[in-house]
C-alpha atoms as a PDB file:
ATOM      1  CA  MET A   1       0.000   0.000   0.000  1.00  0.00           C
ATOM      2  CA  ARG A   2       1.429   3.405  -0.950  1.00  0.00           C
ATOM      3  CA  CYS A   3       1.001   6.127   1.618  1.00  0.00           C
ATOM      4  CA  LYS A   4       1.625   9.813   1.766  1.00  0.00           C
ATOM      5  CA  ALA A   5       2.012  10.099   5.529  1.00  0.00           C
ATOM      6  CA  LYS A   6       4.771  12.477   6.548  1.00  0.00           C
ATOM      7  CA  SER A   7       5.224  10.900   9.968  1.00  0.00           C
ATOM      8  CA  SER A   8       7.337   7.854  10.697  1.00  0.00           C
ATOM      9  CA  HIS A   9       5.665   4.601   9.713  1.00  0.00           C
ATOM     10  CA  SER A  10       7.178   2.909  12.766  1.00  0.00           C
ATOM     11  CA  GLN A  11       4.180   4.185  14.762  1.00  0.00           C
ATOM     12  CA  TYR A  12       1.905   1.822  12.802  1.00  0.00           C
ATOM     13  CA  THR A  13       2.493  -1.504  14.562  1.00  0.00           C
ATOM     14  CA  THR A  14      -0.910  -3.206  14.354  1.00  0.00           C
ATOM     15  CA  ARG A  15      -2.034  -5.062  11.214  1.00  0.00           C
ATOM     16  CA  ILE A  16      -5.725  -4.594  10.397  1.00  0.00           C
ATOM     17  CA  THR A  17      -8.040  -6.119   7.822  1.00  0.00           C
ATOM     18  CA  VAL A  18     -11.067  -4.151   6.670  1.00  0.00           C
ATOM     19  CA  GLN A  19     -13.866  -6.469   5.567  1.00  0.00           C
ATOM     20  CA  ARG A  20     -17.144  -5.915   3.762  1.00  0.00           C
ATOM     21  CA  LEU A  21     -20.304  -7.999   3.755  1.00  0.00           C
ATOM     22  CA  ALA A  22     -20.409  -9.920   0.478  1.00  0.00           C
ATOM     23  CA  GLY A  23     -22.400 -13.108   1.032  1.00  0.00           C
ATOM     24  CA  THR A  24     -25.448 -14.346  -0.816  1.00  0.00           C
ATOM     25  CA  ALA A  25     -28.692 -12.612   0.064  1.00  0.00           C
ATOM     26  CA  ASP A  26     -31.705 -14.600   1.268  1.00  0.00           C
ATOM     27  CA  ALA A  27     -35.196 -14.289  -0.273  1.00  0.00           C
ATOM     28  CA  ALA A  28     -35.786 -11.031   1.605  1.00  0.00           C
ATOM     29  CA  GLY A  29     -32.506  -9.549   0.300  1.00  0.00           C
ATOM     30  CA  HIS A  30     -30.761  -9.782   3.690  1.00  0.00           C
ATOM     31  CA  ILE A  31     -27.167 -10.978   4.112  1.00  0.00           C
ATOM     32  CA  ASP A  32     -26.400 -12.544   7.496  1.00  0.00           C
ATOM     33  CA  GLY A  33     -23.561 -10.522   9.040  1.00  0.00           C
ATOM     34  CA  ASN A  34     -23.171 -13.103  11.831  1.00  0.00           C
ATOM     35  CA  THR A  35     -21.852 -15.718   9.390  1.00  0.00           C
ATOM     36  CA  GLU A  36     -18.078 -15.410   8.901  1.00  0.00           C
ATOM     37  CA  ALA A  37     -18.274 -16.821   5.364  1.00  0.00           C
ATOM     38  CA  ASN A  38     -20.315 -13.760   4.311  1.00  0.00           C
ATOM     39  CA  TRP A  39     -17.408 -11.369   4.969  1.00  0.00           C
ATOM     40  CA  THR A  40     -14.626 -10.727   2.460  1.00  0.00           C
ATOM     41  CA  THR A  41     -11.403  -8.696   2.654  1.00  0.00           C
ATOM     42  CA  TYR A  42     -11.729  -5.142   1.321  1.00  0.00           C
ATOM     43  CA  THR A  43      -8.187  -3.977   2.188  1.00  0.00           C
ATOM     44  CA  THR A  44      -5.415  -4.418   4.752  1.00  0.00           C
ATOM     45  CA  ALA A  45      -3.283  -1.756   6.415  1.00  0.00           C
ATOM     46  CA  TRP A  46      -0.918  -0.987   9.256  1.00  0.00           C
ATOM     47  CA  ALA A  47      -2.331   1.104  12.102  1.00  0.00           C
ATOM     48  CA  SER A  48      -1.760   2.491  15.543  1.00  0.00           C
ATOM     49  CA  VAL A  49      -4.612   1.886  17.985  1.00  0.00           C
ATOM     50  CA  ARG A  50      -5.836   3.577  21.133  1.00  0.00           C
ATOM     51  CA  SER A  51      -8.846   2.994  23.339  1.00  0.00           C
ATOM     52  CA  ARG A  52     -11.433   5.681  24.009  1.00  0.00           C
ATOM     53  CA  GLY A  53     -13.279   4.156  26.952  1.00  0.00           C
ATOM     54  CA  GLY A  54     -16.358   2.020  27.160  1.00  0.00           C
ATOM     55  CA  ARG A  55     -19.529   1.173  29.034  1.00  0.00           C
ATOM     56  CA  GLU A  56     -21.350  -1.769  30.563  1.00  0.00           C
ATOM     57  CA  PHE A  57     -25.075  -2.399  30.203  1.00  0.00           C
ATOM     58  CA  TRP A  58     -27.730  -5.068  30.672  1.00  0.00           C
ATOM     59  CA  ARG A  59     -29.292  -6.746  27.652  1.00  0.00           C
ATOM     60  CA  VAL A  60     -31.503  -9.835  27.834  1.00  0.00           C
ATOM     61  CA  SER A  61     -30.496 -10.545  31.438  1.00  0.00           C
ATOM     62  CA  GLN A  62     -26.783 -10.405  30.601  1.00  0.00           C
ATOM     63  CA  VAL A  63     -24.122  -7.832  31.305  1.00  0.00           C
ATOM     64  CA  GLN A  64     -22.560  -6.680  28.043  1.00  0.00           C
ATOM     65  CA  SER A  65     -20.017  -4.006  27.293  1.00  0.00           C
ATOM     66  CA  ASP A  66     -18.890  -1.758  24.467  1.00  0.00           C
ATOM     67  CA  VAL A  67     -15.309  -0.552  24.178  1.00  0.00           C
ATOM     68  CA  ASP A  68     -14.449   2.177  21.670  1.00  0.00           C
ATOM     69  CA  PHE A  69     -11.133   2.197  19.813  1.00  0.00           C
ATOM     70  CA  VAL A  70      -9.563   4.518  17.258  1.00  0.00           C
ATOM     71  CA  PHE A  71      -7.314   3.087  14.534  1.00  0.00           C
ATOM     72  CA  ASN A  72      -4.998   5.623  12.892  1.00  0.00           C
ATOM     73  CA  CYS A  73      -3.522   4.585   9.529  1.00  0.00           C
ATOM     74  CA  PRO A  74      -1.483   6.145   6.738  1.00  0.00           C
ATOM     75  CA  TRP A  75      -3.859   7.655   4.182  1.00  0.00           C
ATOM     76  CA  SER A  76      -5.016   5.508   1.267  1.00  0.00           C
ATOM     77  CA  LYS A  77      -7.968   5.897  -1.080  1.00  0.00           C
ATOM     78  CA  MET A  78      -9.223   2.426  -0.118  1.00  0.00           C
ATOM     79  CA  LEU A  79      -9.288   3.305   3.588  1.00  0.00           C
ATOM     80  CA  GLU A  80     -10.847   6.700   2.929  1.00  0.00           C
ATOM     81  CA  ASN A  81     -13.676   4.913   1.089  1.00  0.00           C
ATOM     82  CA  ALA A  82     -14.354   2.444   3.931  1.00  0.00           C
ATOM     83  CA  THR A  83     -17.891   2.762   5.335  1.00  0.00           C
ATOM     84  CA  PRO A  84     -19.728   1.966   8.592  1.00  0.00           C
ATOM     85  CA  ASP A  85     -21.265  -1.152   7.030  1.00  0.00           C
ATOM     86  CA  MET A  86     -17.744  -2.659   7.010  1.00  0.00           C
ATOM     87  CA  ARG A  87     -15.749  -4.016   9.946  1.00  0.00           C
ATOM     88  CA  ILE A  88     -12.139  -4.351  11.092  1.00  0.00           C
ATOM     89  CA  LEU A  89     -10.403  -7.554  12.136  1.00  0.00           C
ATOM     90  CA  SER A  90      -7.288  -7.216  14.265  1.00  0.00           C
ATOM     91  CA  ASP A  91      -5.613  -9.790  16.504  1.00  0.00           C
ATOM     92  CA  GLY A  92      -8.632 -12.084  16.198  1.00  0.00           C
ATOM     93  CA  LYS A  93     -11.102  -9.427  17.384  1.00  0.00           C
ATOM     94  CA  VAL A  94     -13.942  -7.805  15.430  1.00  0.00           C
ATOM     95  CA  TYR A  95     -14.504  -4.038  15.529  1.00  0.00           C
ATOM     96  CA  GLU A  96     -17.596  -2.308  14.101  1.00  0.00           C
ATOM     97  CA  ILE A  97     -16.672   0.766  12.059  1.00  0.00           C
ATOM     98  CA  LEU A  98     -18.486   3.866  13.330  1.00  0.00           C
ATOM     99  CA  SER A  99     -16.807   6.494  11.130  1.00  0.00           C
ATOM    100  CA  VAL A 100     -13.852   7.041   8.814  1.00  0.00           C
ATOM    101  CA  ILE A 101     -12.124  10.442   8.855  1.00  0.00           C
ATOM    102  CA  ASN A 102      -9.482  11.887   6.534  1.00  0.00           C
ATOM    103  CA  VAL A 103      -7.662  13.840   9.260  1.00  0.00           C
ATOM    104  CA  ASP A 104      -7.641  17.570   8.429  1.00  0.00           C
ATOM    105  CA  LEU A 105      -8.562  16.601   4.824  1.00  0.00           C
ATOM    106  CA  ALA A 106      -4.806  16.472   4.246  1.00  0.00           C
ATOM    107  CA  ASN A 107      -4.552  12.958   2.728  1.00  0.00           C
ATOM    108  CA  ASN A 108      -1.872  12.105   5.307  1.00  0.00           C
ATOM    109  CA  SER A 109      -3.719   9.874   7.743  1.00  0.00           C
ATOM    110  CA  ILE A 110      -7.051   8.161   8.233  1.00  0.00           C
ATOM    111  CA  GLU A 111      -8.760   7.840  11.607  1.00  0.00           C
ATOM    112  CA  ILE A 112     -11.221   4.954  11.911  1.00  0.00           C
ATOM    113  CA  GLN A 113     -13.472   5.114  14.954  1.00  0.00           C
ATOM    114  CA  THR A 114     -14.719   1.681  16.019  1.00  0.00           C
ATOM    115  CA  ARG A 115     -16.599  -0.222  18.711  1.00  0.00           C
ATOM    116  CA  ARG A 116     -15.932  -3.735  19.979  1.00  0.00           C
ATOM    117  CA  ARG A 117     -18.806  -5.496  21.731  1.00  0.00           C
ATOM    118  CA  THR A 118     -18.078  -8.038  24.452  1.00  0.00           C
ATOM    119  CA  THR A 119     -20.375 -10.220  26.522  1.00  0.00           C
END
C-alpha cells in the first residue's frame, strides 16, 4: 500500500483487515452478518490503535459491554472509502466501524473510529 504520511511509519504496529459484507442474500434480500463466510477482505493496512473508553449495560439478562477504539492509519484511497457497514479484524477481534475520517482533509492519515462489543 502506498502512503503519503509524513510521519514515521514505525508508529503503525498493528495489522488490520477491513472487511465488507459480500455473502449471498436470502429471499428477503438480507445478508447474514453473523456468518463469517459472508465477509470478504476489502483492504489491509498498518495502524496504531488507542482505546477511548467504554460502558457496561444489561441486555436480555446479561451484562454486556462496548469498548471504543480509534485506529490511525497512513492515508489511502481504499481506507478513505471504507464505510460503517464494514468491519475491522485485528488480533482475532472484530470491531464495528463507526466512522472514517481523513484527518484535516490532508490525505496524510485516516482515523477509523470503532466499537468492539463483548459479553
